[in-house]
PDB file of N, CA and C in Angstrom:
ATOM      1  N   UNK A   1     107.062 102.938  97.069  1.00  0.00           N
ATOM      2  CA  UNK A   1     107.303 104.026  96.369  1.00  0.00           C
ATOM      3  C   UNK A   1     108.861 103.445  95.727  1.00  0.00           C
ATOM      4  N   UNK A   2     109.443 103.991  94.435  1.00  0.00           N
ATOM      5  CA  UNK A   2     111.040 104.143  95.186  1.00  0.00           C
ATOM      6  C   UNK A   2     112.039 105.057  95.812  1.00  0.00           C
ATOM      7  N   UNK A   3     113.254 103.750  96.333  1.00  0.00           N
ATOM      8  CA  UNK A   3     113.202 104.875  96.436  1.00  0.00           C
ATOM      9  C   UNK A   3     113.351 105.388  97.802  1.00  0.00           C
ATOM     10  N   UNK A   4     112.467 104.329  98.691  1.00  0.00           N
ATOM     11  CA  UNK A   4     112.873 104.574 100.237  1.00  0.00           C
ATOM     12  C   UNK A   4     113.597 102.937 100.737  1.00  0.00           C
ATOM     13  N   UNK A   5     115.193 103.302 100.444  1.00  0.00           N
ATOM     14  CA  UNK A   5     116.562 102.177 100.603  1.00  0.00           C
ATOM     15  C   UNK A   5     116.466 102.896 101.949  1.00  0.00           C
ATOM     16  N   UNK A   6     115.560 103.367 103.851  1.00  0.00           N
ATOM     17  CA  UNK A   6     116.834 103.696 104.553  1.00  0.00           C
ATOM     18  C   UNK A   6     115.066 102.340 104.967  1.00  0.00           C
ATOM     19  N   UNK A   7     115.266 103.226 106.572  1.00  0.00           N
ATOM     20  CA  UNK A   7     114.812 101.530 107.883  1.00  0.00           C
ATOM     21  C   UNK A   7     114.416 103.175 108.590  1.00  0.00           C
ATOM     22  N   UNK A   8     113.445 103.358 109.071  1.00  0.00           N
ATOM     23  CA  UNK A   8     113.447 104.220 110.197  1.00  0.00           C
ATOM     24  C   UNK A   8     112.034 103.485 112.260  1.00  0.00           C
ATOM     25  N   UNK A   9     112.674 103.535 112.446  1.00  0.00           N
ATOM     26  CA  UNK A   9     111.549 102.795 113.712  1.00  0.00           C
ATOM     27  C   UNK A   9     111.354 104.446 115.059  1.00  0.00           C
ATOM     28  N   UNK A  10     109.825 104.248 114.171  1.00  0.00           N
ATOM     29  CA  UNK A  10     108.947 105.125 114.383  1.00  0.00           C
ATOM     30  C   UNK A  10     108.661 105.143 115.924  1.00  0.00           C
ATOM     31  N   UNK A  11     108.311 106.355 116.754  1.00  0.00           N
ATOM     32  CA  UNK A  11     108.036 106.126 118.255  1.00  0.00           C
ATOM     33  C   UNK A  11     107.033 107.181 117.832  1.00  0.00           C
ATOM     34  N   UNK A  12     106.128 107.199 119.156  1.00  0.00           N
ATOM     35  CA  UNK A  12     105.834 107.955 120.161  1.00  0.00           C
ATOM     36  C   UNK A  12     105.072 108.464 121.098  1.00  0.00           C
ATOM     37  N   UNK A  13     104.360 108.875 121.339  1.00  0.00           N
ATOM     38  CA  UNK A  13     104.285 109.215 123.292  1.00  0.00           C
ATOM     39  C   UNK A  13     103.920 108.153 124.567  1.00  0.00           C
ATOM     40  N   UNK A  14     104.747 107.737 125.053  1.00  0.00           N
ATOM     41  CA  UNK A  14     103.424 106.338 126.369  1.00  0.00           C
ATOM     42  C   UNK A  14     102.931 107.396 127.335  1.00  0.00           C
ATOM     43  N   UNK A  15     102.087 106.963 127.269  1.00  0.00           N
ATOM     44  CA  UNK A  15     100.802 107.359 127.356  1.00  0.00           C
ATOM     45  C   UNK A  15     100.670 107.529 128.930  1.00  0.00           C
ATOM     46  N   UNK A  16     102.043 107.245 129.722  1.00  0.00           N
ATOM     47  CA  UNK A  16     102.006 107.665 131.230  1.00  0.00           C
ATOM     48  C   UNK A  16     103.458 108.780 131.607  1.00  0.00           C
ATOM     49  N   UNK A  17     103.546 108.426 130.530  1.00  0.00           N
ATOM     50  CA  UNK A  17     104.805 110.518 131.431  1.00  0.00           C
ATOM     51  C   UNK A  17     105.146 110.623 130.023  1.00  0.00           C
ATOM     52  N   UNK A  18     104.649 110.388 128.894  1.00  0.00           N
ATOM     53  CA  UNK A  18     104.989 111.777 127.764  1.00  0.00           C
ATOM     54  C   UNK A  18     106.033 111.045 127.553  1.00  0.00           C
ATOM     55  N   UNK A  19     106.469 110.573 127.234  1.00  0.00           N
ATOM     56  CA  UNK A  19     108.302 110.450 126.707  1.00  0.00           C
ATOM     57  C   UNK A  19     107.959 109.338 125.522  1.00  0.00           C
ATOM     58  N   UNK A  20     108.933 110.214 124.618  1.00  0.00           N
ATOM     59  CA  UNK A  20     108.372 109.323 123.389  1.00  0.00           C
ATOM     60  C   UNK A  20     109.875 107.814 123.576  1.00  0.00           C
ATOM     61  N   UNK A  21     108.588 106.880 123.471  1.00  0.00           N
ATOM     62  CA  UNK A  21     109.705 106.254 123.682  1.00  0.00           C
ATOM     63  C   UNK A  21     108.675 104.196 123.114  1.00  0.00           C
ATOM     64  N   UNK A  22     107.758 104.705 122.973  1.00  0.00           N
ATOM     65  CA  UNK A  22     106.732 103.339 122.687  1.00  0.00           C
ATOM     66  C   UNK A  22     106.587 103.264 121.191  1.00  0.00           C
ATOM     67  N   UNK A  23     107.493 102.386 120.090  1.00  0.00           N
ATOM     68  CA  UNK A  23     107.548 101.686 118.886  1.00  0.00           C
ATOM     69  C   UNK A  23     106.355 102.242 118.594  1.00  0.00           C
ATOM     70  N   UNK A  24     105.992 102.800 117.301  1.00  0.00           N
ATOM     71  CA  UNK A  24     104.600 102.551 116.802  1.00  0.00           C
ATOM     72  C   UNK A  24     104.747 101.958 115.772  1.00  0.00           C
ATOM     73  N   UNK A  25     106.489 102.038 115.620  1.00  0.00           N
ATOM     74  CA  UNK A  25     106.084 101.184 113.875  1.00  0.00           C
ATOM     75  C   UNK A  25     108.367 100.167 113.925  1.00  0.00           C
ATOM     76  N   UNK A  26     108.194  98.915 113.983  1.00  0.00           N
ATOM     77  CA  UNK A  26     109.274  98.978 113.843  1.00  0.00           C
ATOM     78  C   UNK A  26     110.150  99.060 113.107  1.00  0.00           C
ATOM     79  N   UNK A  27     109.875  99.186 112.087  1.00  0.00           N
ATOM     80  CA  UNK A  27     110.803  98.476 110.556  1.00  0.00           C
ATOM     81  C   UNK A  27     110.305  99.683 109.406  1.00  0.00           C
ATOM     82  N   UNK A  28     109.652 100.750 108.696  1.00  0.00           N
ATOM     83  CA  UNK A  28     109.446 102.360 108.426  1.00  0.00           C
ATOM     84  C   UNK A  28     109.969 102.103 107.239  1.00  0.00           C
ATOM     85  N   UNK A  29     109.870 101.940 105.935  1.00  0.00           N
ATOM     86  CA  UNK A  29     110.381 101.585 105.613  1.00  0.00           C
ATOM     87  C   UNK A  29     111.067 103.396 104.441  1.00  0.00           C
ATOM     88  N   UNK A  30     111.464 103.820 104.028  1.00  0.00           N
ATOM     89  CA  UNK A  30     111.878 105.913 104.321  1.00  0.00           C
ATOM     90  C   UNK A  30     113.367 105.903 103.444  1.00  0.00           C
ATOM     91  N   UNK A  31     112.973 107.373 103.883  1.00  0.00           N
ATOM     92  CA  UNK A  31     114.565 108.341 103.040  1.00  0.00           C
ATOM     93  C   UNK A  31     114.630 109.112 103.684  1.00  0.00           C
ATOM     94  N   UNK A  32     115.137 109.843 104.135  1.00  0.00           N
ATOM     95  CA  UNK A  32     115.238 110.952 104.906  1.00  0.00           C
ATOM     96  C   UNK A  32     116.762 111.342 104.198  1.00  0.00           C
ATOM     97  N   UNK A  33     115.742 112.289 103.173  1.00  0.00           N
ATOM     98  CA  UNK A  33     116.885 113.892 102.579  1.00  0.00           C
ATOM     99  C   UNK A  33     116.561 114.491 102.353  1.00  0.00           C
ATOM    100  N   UNK A  34     118.318 115.184 102.752  1.00  0.00           N
ATOM    101  CA  UNK A  34     118.157 116.194 102.883  1.00  0.00           C
ATOM    102  C   UNK A  34     117.900 117.770 101.719  1.00  0.00           C
ATOM    103  N   UNK A  35     117.165 118.385 101.794  1.00  0.00           N
ATOM    104  CA  UNK A  35     116.865 119.369 101.025  1.00  0.00           C
ATOM    105  C   UNK A  35     117.982 120.438 100.954  1.00  0.00           C
ATOM    106  N   UNK A  36     118.205 120.677  98.844  1.00  0.00           N
ATOM    107  CA  UNK A  36     119.071 121.764  98.445  1.00  0.00           C
ATOM    108  C   UNK A  36     118.453 122.979  98.946  1.00  0.00           C
ATOM    109  N   UNK A  37     119.253 123.498  99.623  1.00  0.00           N
ATOM    110  CA  UNK A  37     118.876 125.183  99.226  1.00  0.00           C
ATOM    111  C   UNK A  37     119.096 125.789  98.908  1.00  0.00           C
ATOM    112  N   UNK A  38     119.167 125.120  97.686  1.00  0.00           N
ATOM    113  CA  UNK A  38     119.578 126.842  96.610  1.00  0.00           C
ATOM    114  C   UNK A  38     118.132 128.108  96.228  1.00  0.00           C
ATOM    115  N   UNK A  39     117.592 126.906  96.474  1.00  0.00           N
ATOM    116  CA  UNK A  39     116.131 127.774  96.450  1.00  0.00           C
ATOM    117  C   UNK A  39     116.337 129.155  97.705  1.00  0.00           C
ATOM    118  N   UNK A  40     117.589 129.249  98.870  1.00  0.00           N
ATOM    119  CA  UNK A  40     116.758 130.089 100.244  1.00  0.00           C
ATOM    120  C   UNK A  40     117.955 130.799  99.684  1.00  0.00           C
ATOM    121  N   UNK A  41     116.866 132.359 100.448  1.00  0.00           N
ATOM    122  CA  UNK A  41     118.102 133.739  99.702  1.00  0.00           C
ATOM    123  C   UNK A  41     118.112 134.409 101.004  1.00  0.00           C
ATOM    124  N   UNK A  42     118.953 133.894 101.808  1.00  0.00           N
ATOM    125  CA  UNK A  42     119.765 134.004 103.159  1.00  0.00           C
ATOM    126  C   UNK A  42     120.685 132.619 103.733  1.00  0.00           C
ATOM    127  N   UNK A  43     122.042 133.378 103.972  1.00  0.00           N
ATOM    128  CA  UNK A  43     122.636 132.338 104.160  1.00  0.00           C
ATOM    129  C   UNK A  43     121.474 132.168 106.077  1.00  0.00           C
ATOM    130  N   UNK A  44     120.850 132.612 106.806  1.00  0.00           N
ATOM    131  CA  UNK A  44     120.737 132.427 107.371  1.00  0.00           C
ATOM    132  C   UNK A  44     119.539 130.545 106.937  1.00  0.00           C
ATOM    133  N   UNK A  45     118.542 131.513 105.901  1.00  0.00           N
ATOM    134  CA  UNK A  45     117.364 129.388 106.069  1.00  0.00           C
ATOM    135  C   UNK A  45     118.331 128.655 104.907  1.00  0.00           C
ATOM    136  N   UNK A  46     119.139 129.307 104.455  1.00  0.00           N
ATOM    137  CA  UNK A  46     120.238 127.728 103.543  1.00  0.00           C
ATOM    138  C   UNK A  46     121.192 127.048 105.170  1.00  0.00           C
ATOM    139  N   UNK A  47     121.213 127.308 106.180  1.00  0.00           N
ATOM    140  CA  UNK A  47     121.543 127.154 107.083  1.00  0.00           C
ATOM    141  C   UNK A  47     120.356 126.276 107.618  1.00  0.00           C
ATOM    142  N   UNK A  48     118.920 126.858 107.546  1.00  0.00           N
ATOM    143  CA  UNK A  48     118.225 126.644 108.430  1.00  0.00           C
ATOM    144  C   UNK A  48     117.899 124.850 107.284  1.00  0.00           C
ATOM    145  N   UNK A  49     117.616 125.047 105.778  1.00  0.00           N
ATOM    146  CA  UNK A  49     117.336 124.099 105.300  1.00  0.00           C
ATOM    147  C   UNK A  49     118.277 122.824 105.410  1.00  0.00           C
ATOM    148  N   UNK A  50     120.072 123.042 106.240  1.00  0.00           N
ATOM    149  CA  UNK A  50     121.042 121.689 105.544  1.00  0.00           C
ATOM    150  C   UNK A  50     120.798 121.128 107.344  1.00  0.00           C
ATOM    151  N   UNK A  51     120.195 121.600 108.099  1.00  0.00           N
ATOM    152  CA  UNK A  51     119.483 121.237 109.459  1.00  0.00           C
ATOM    153  C   UNK A  51     118.087 120.644 109.568  1.00  0.00           C
ATOM    154  N   UNK A  52     117.086 120.494 108.699  1.00  0.00           N
ATOM    155  CA  UNK A  52     115.403 120.277 108.119  1.00  0.00           C
ATOM    156  C   UNK A  52     115.339 119.102 107.309  1.00  0.00           C
ATOM    157  N   UNK A  53     115.989 118.424 107.162  1.00  0.00           N
ATOM    158  CA  UNK A  53     116.369 116.722 106.149  1.00  0.00           C
ATOM    159  C   UNK A  53     114.586 116.965 105.949  1.00  0.00           C
ATOM    160  N   UNK A  54     113.692 116.130 105.193  1.00  0.00           N
ATOM    161  CA  UNK A  54     112.972 115.891 104.817  1.00  0.00           C
ATOM    162  C   UNK A  54     111.903 113.988 104.439  1.00  0.00           C
ATOM    163  N   UNK A  55     111.538 113.745 105.639  1.00  0.00           N
ATOM    164  CA  UNK A  55     111.140 112.178 105.777  1.00  0.00           C
ATOM    165  C   UNK A  55     109.944 111.872 104.587  1.00  0.00           C
ATOM    166  N   UNK A  56     110.411 110.876 103.759  1.00  0.00           N
ATOM    167  CA  UNK A  56     109.840 110.128 102.787  1.00  0.00           C
ATOM    168  C   UNK A  56     109.468 109.388 103.418  1.00  0.00           C
ATOM    169  N   UNK A  57     107.606 108.528 103.321  1.00  0.00           N
ATOM    170  CA  UNK A  57     107.683 107.157 103.524  1.00  0.00           C
ATOM    171  C   UNK A  57     106.345 107.319 102.502  1.00  0.00           C
ATOM    172  N   UNK A  58     106.150 105.744 102.350  1.00  0.00           N
ATOM    173  CA  UNK A  58     104.220 105.150 101.796  1.00  0.00           C
ATOM    174  C   UNK A  58     102.918 105.451 102.069  1.00  0.00           C
ATOM    175  N   UNK A  59     102.069 105.992 101.741  1.00  0.00           N
ATOM    176  CA  UNK A  59     101.067 106.211 101.570  1.00  0.00           C
ATOM    177  C   UNK A  59     100.582 105.088 102.685  1.00  0.00           C
ATOM    178  N   UNK A  60     101.014 103.813 103.277  1.00  0.00           N
ATOM    179  CA  UNK A  60      99.365 102.927 103.491  1.00  0.00           C
ATOM    180  C   UNK A  60     100.526 103.377 105.051  1.00  0.00           C
ATOM    181  N   UNK A  61     100.925 104.497 106.229  1.00  0.00           N
ATOM    182  CA  UNK A  61     101.519 104.071 107.098  1.00  0.00           C
ATOM    183  C   UNK A  61     100.979 105.917 107.953  1.00  0.00           C
ATOM    184  N   UNK A  62     100.366 106.056 108.691  1.00  0.00           N
ATOM    185  CA  UNK A  62     100.005 106.952 108.959  1.00  0.00           C
ATOM    186  C   UNK A  62     100.741 108.361 110.146  1.00  0.00           C
ATOM    187  N   UNK A  63     101.394 109.082 110.504  1.00  0.00           N
ATOM    188  CA  UNK A  63     102.225 108.565 111.035  1.00  0.00           C
ATOM    189  C   UNK A  63     101.380 109.248 111.983  1.00  0.00           C
ATOM    190  N   UNK A  64     101.869 108.983 113.935  1.00  0.00           N
ATOM    191  CA  UNK A  64     101.297 109.429 115.510  1.00  0.00           C
ATOM    192  C   UNK A  64     101.882 111.203 115.755  1.00  0.00           C
ATOM    193  N   UNK A  65     101.563 111.175 115.576  1.00  0.00           N
ATOM    194  CA  UNK A  65     101.510 113.124 116.751  1.00  0.00           C
ATOM    195  C   UNK A  65     101.308 113.150 118.266  1.00  0.00           C
ATOM    196  N   UNK A  66     102.691 112.393 118.424  1.00  0.00           N
ATOM    197  CA  UNK A  66     103.983 113.218 118.309  1.00  0.00           C
ATOM    198  C   UNK A  66     104.782 112.372 118.098  1.00  0.00           C
ATOM    199  N   UNK A  67     105.936 112.454 116.885  1.00  0.00           N
ATOM    200  CA  UNK A  67     106.870 110.999 116.641  1.00  0.00           C
ATOM    201  C   UNK A  67     108.540 111.262 116.128  1.00  0.00           C
ATOM    202  N   UNK A  68     108.789 110.271 117.213  1.00  0.00           N
ATOM    203  CA  UNK A  68     110.466 110.735 116.547  1.00  0.00           C
ATOM    204  C   UNK A  68     110.864 109.881 115.799  1.00  0.00           C
ATOM    205  N   UNK A  69     111.942 109.556 114.920  1.00  0.00           N
ATOM    206  CA  UNK A  69     111.659 108.384 114.031  1.00  0.00           C
ATOM    207  C   UNK A  69     113.547 108.275 114.418  1.00  0.00           C
ATOM    208  N   UNK A  70     113.764 106.933 114.873  1.00  0.00           N
ATOM    209  CA  UNK A  70     115.429 107.069 113.815  1.00  0.00           C
ATOM    210  C   UNK A  70     115.842 105.864 113.154  1.00  0.00           C
ATOM    211  N   UNK A  71     116.763 106.540 112.683  1.00  0.00           N
ATOM    212  CA  UNK A  71     117.589 106.402 112.076  1.00  0.00           C
ATOM    213  C   UNK A  71     118.899 106.299 110.998  1.00  0.00           C
ATOM    214  N   UNK A  72     120.394 105.249 110.684  1.00  0.00           N
ATOM    215  CA  UNK A  72     121.077 105.306 110.866  1.00  0.00           C
ATOM    216  C   UNK A  72     121.549 105.322 112.411  1.00  0.00           C
ATOM    217  N   UNK A  73     120.737 105.091 113.123  1.00  0.00           N
ATOM    218  CA  UNK A  73     121.422 105.298 115.099  1.00  0.00           C
ATOM    219  C   UNK A  73     121.343 106.922 115.439  1.00  0.00           C
ATOM    220  N   UNK A  74     119.978 107.505 114.736  1.00  0.00           N
ATOM    221  CA  UNK A  74     120.305 108.325 115.101  1.00  0.00           C
ATOM    222  C   UNK A  74     119.128 108.902 115.095  1.00  0.00           C
ATOM    223  N   UNK A  75     118.682 109.732 115.957  1.00  0.00           N
ATOM    224  CA  UNK A  75     117.298 110.117 116.662  1.00  0.00           C
ATOM    225  C   UNK A  75     116.310 111.522 115.569  1.00  0.00           C
ATOM    226  N   UNK A  76     114.993 112.596 115.128  1.00  0.00           N
ATOM    227  CA  UNK A  76     115.029 112.990 114.961  1.00  0.00           C
ATOM    228  C   UNK A  76     113.526 113.255 114.438  1.00  0.00           C
ATOM    229  N   UNK A  77     113.150 114.774 115.207  1.00  0.00           N
ATOM    230  CA  UNK A  77     111.705 114.417 116.295  1.00  0.00           C
ATOM    231  C   UNK A  77     110.521 115.117 115.046  1.00  0.00           C
ATOM    232  N   UNK A  78     110.247 114.256 114.414  1.00  0.00           N
ATOM    233  CA  UNK A  78     108.547 114.935 113.012  1.00  0.00           C
ATOM    234  C   UNK A  78     107.188 115.891 113.592  1.00  0.00           C
ATOM    235  N   UNK A  79     107.987 117.402 112.197  1.00  0.00           N
ATOM    236  CA  UNK A  79     107.384 118.031 112.781  1.00  0.00           C
ATOM    237  C   UNK A  79     105.551 117.804 112.285  1.00  0.00           C
ATOM    238  N   UNK A  80     104.776 117.798 112.749  1.00  0.00           N
ATOM    239  CA  UNK A  80     103.805 116.985 112.418  1.00  0.00           C
ATOM    240  C   UNK A  80     102.916 118.733 112.218  1.00  0.00           C
ATOM    241  N   UNK A  81     102.968 119.848 111.693  1.00  0.00           N
ATOM    242  CA  UNK A  81     102.682 121.103 110.878  1.00  0.00           C
ATOM    243  C   UNK A  81     103.438 120.475 109.427  1.00  0.00           C
ATOM    244  N   UNK A  82     104.284 119.673 109.211  1.00  0.00           N
ATOM    245  CA  UNK A  82     104.574 119.794 108.477  1.00  0.00           C
ATOM    246  C   UNK A  82     103.997 118.642 107.634  1.00  0.00           C
ATOM    247  N   UNK A  83     103.868 117.455 107.868  1.00  0.00           N
ATOM    248  CA  UNK A  83     103.287 116.338 107.343  1.00  0.00           C
ATOM    249  C   UNK A  83     102.308 116.694 106.011  1.00  0.00           C
ATOM    250  N   UNK A  84     102.708 115.668 104.927  1.00  0.00           N
ATOM    251  CA  UNK A  84     102.517 116.356 103.939  1.00  0.00           C
ATOM    252  C   UNK A  84     102.239 114.720 102.613  1.00  0.00           C
ATOM    253  N   UNK A  85     100.367 114.703 102.061  1.00  0.00           N
ATOM    254  CA  UNK A  85     100.358 113.941 101.022  1.00  0.00           C
ATOM    255  C   UNK A  85     101.293 114.678  99.585  1.00  0.00           C
ATOM    256  N   UNK A  86     101.934 113.916  99.739  1.00  0.00           N
ATOM    257  CA  UNK A  86     101.773 114.459  97.553  1.00  0.00           C
ATOM    258  C   UNK A  86     101.566 113.298  97.231  1.00  0.00           C
ATOM    259  N   UNK A  87     100.489 114.233  95.870  1.00  0.00           N
ATOM    260  CA  UNK A  87      99.551 113.304  95.500  1.00  0.00           C
ATOM    261  C   UNK A  87     100.766 113.898  93.321  1.00  0.00           C
ATOM    262  N   UNK A  88     100.179 113.133  92.512  1.00  0.00           N
ATOM    263  CA  UNK A  88     100.820 112.590  91.416  1.00  0.00           C
ATOM    264  C   UNK A  88      99.767 112.865  90.452  1.00  0.00           C
ATOM    265  N   UNK A  89      99.598 112.450  89.202  1.00  0.00           N
ATOM    266  CA  UNK A  89      98.672 112.680  88.399  1.00  0.00           C
ATOM    267  C   UNK A  89      97.595 111.743  88.889  1.00  0.00           C
ATOM    268  N   UNK A  90      96.509 113.090  88.029  1.00  0.00           N
ATOM    269  CA  UNK A  90      94.774 112.299  88.834  1.00  0.00           C
ATOM    270  C   UNK A  90      95.094 112.002  89.955  1.00  0.00           C
ATOM    271  N   UNK A  91      95.262 113.039  90.911  1.00  0.00           N
ATOM    272  CA  UNK A  91      95.169 113.334  92.428  1.00  0.00           C
ATOM    273  C   UNK A  91      95.649 111.911  92.992  1.00  0.00           C
ATOM    274  N   UNK A  92      96.466 111.021  92.655  1.00  0.00           N
ATOM    275  CA  UNK A  92      96.375 110.003  93.537  1.00  0.00           C
ATOM    276  C   UNK A  92      97.310 109.530  94.488  1.00  0.00           C
ATOM    277  N   UNK A  93      97.551 109.967  95.575  1.00  0.00           N
ATOM    278  CA  UNK A  93      98.713 109.878  96.012  1.00  0.00           C
ATOM    279  C   UNK A  93      99.990 108.950  96.544  1.00  0.00           C
ATOM    280  N   UNK A  94     100.835 109.333  96.050  1.00  0.00           N
ATOM    281  CA  UNK A  94     102.372 108.824  95.499  1.00  0.00           C
ATOM    282  C   UNK A  94     102.666 109.091  97.679  1.00  0.00           C
ATOM    283  N   UNK A  95     103.596 109.147  97.959  1.00  0.00           N
ATOM    284  CA  UNK A  95     104.772 109.555  99.322  1.00  0.00           C
ATOM    285  C   UNK A  95     103.317 110.343 100.314  1.00  0.00           C
ATOM    286  N   UNK A  96     104.538 110.518 101.301  1.00  0.00           N
ATOM    287  CA  UNK A  96     104.130 111.323 102.367  1.00  0.00           C
ATOM    288  C   UNK A  96     105.366 112.021 103.084  1.00  0.00           C
ATOM    289  N   UNK A  97     105.149 113.309 103.295  1.00  0.00           N
ATOM    290  CA  UNK A  97     106.609 114.158 103.818  1.00  0.00           C
ATOM    291  C   UNK A  97     106.381 114.229 104.398  1.00  0.00           C
ATOM    292  N   UNK A  98     107.346 114.457 105.501  1.00  0.00           N
ATOM    293  CA  UNK A  98     106.876 115.572 106.542  1.00  0.00           C
ATOM    294  C   UNK A  98     109.209 116.403 106.985  1.00  0.00           C
ATOM    295  N   UNK A  99     109.116 117.617 107.867  1.00  0.00           N
ATOM    296  CA  UNK A  99     110.243 118.411 108.053  1.00  0.00           C
ATOM    297  C   UNK A  99     110.674 117.344 109.156  1.00  0.00           C
ATOM    298  N   UNK A 100     112.252 116.992 109.756  1.00  0.00           N
ATOM    299  CA  UNK A 100     112.281 116.865 111.157  1.00  0.00           C
ATOM    300  C   UNK A 100     113.549 116.906 111.461  1.00  0.00           C
ATOM    301  N   UNK A 101     113.733 117.801 112.129  1.00  0.00           N
ATOM    302  CA  UNK A 101     114.906 118.254 113.750  1.00  0.00           C
ATOM    303  C   UNK A 101     115.773 117.157 114.036  1.00  0.00           C
ATOM    304  N   UNK A 102     116.535 117.580 114.229  1.00  0.00           N
ATOM    305  CA  UNK A 102     117.108 116.643 115.243  1.00  0.00           C
ATOM    306  C   UNK A 102     117.308 116.826 116.576  1.00  0.00           C
ATOM    307  N   UNK A 103     117.029 115.395 117.207  1.00  0.00           N
ATOM    308  CA  UNK A 103     117.042 115.140 118.946  1.00  0.00           C
ATOM    309  C   UNK A 103     118.266 115.150 119.301  1.00  0.00           C
ATOM    310  N   UNK A 104     118.021 116.257 120.080  1.00  0.00           N
ATOM    311  CA  UNK A 104     119.937 116.292 121.139  1.00  0.00           C
ATOM    312  C   UNK A 104     119.982 115.192 122.787  1.00  0.00           C
TER     313      UNK A 104
END
């Protein structure tokens, strides 16, 4: 997919401790894109959108649940309920996306 110009390390849960410290993918081609807040009705909604970028990645990888990613030195939790496959003309899967929140 055009535009996947970033690389993420994907972490999933450790079966023993539950900590998200097991590397599931060391070099996922992706893009962590900030969502436009123009369509939001209120200031609160705009502020929330600003803190929830959207992760885009190819259809050849299934995001684990739970998952955290690290992009450019920052850690983000992938919101599993937001993972979806985006389909193009004819129903062909084009890419996947999910909302993320910063890990503090």
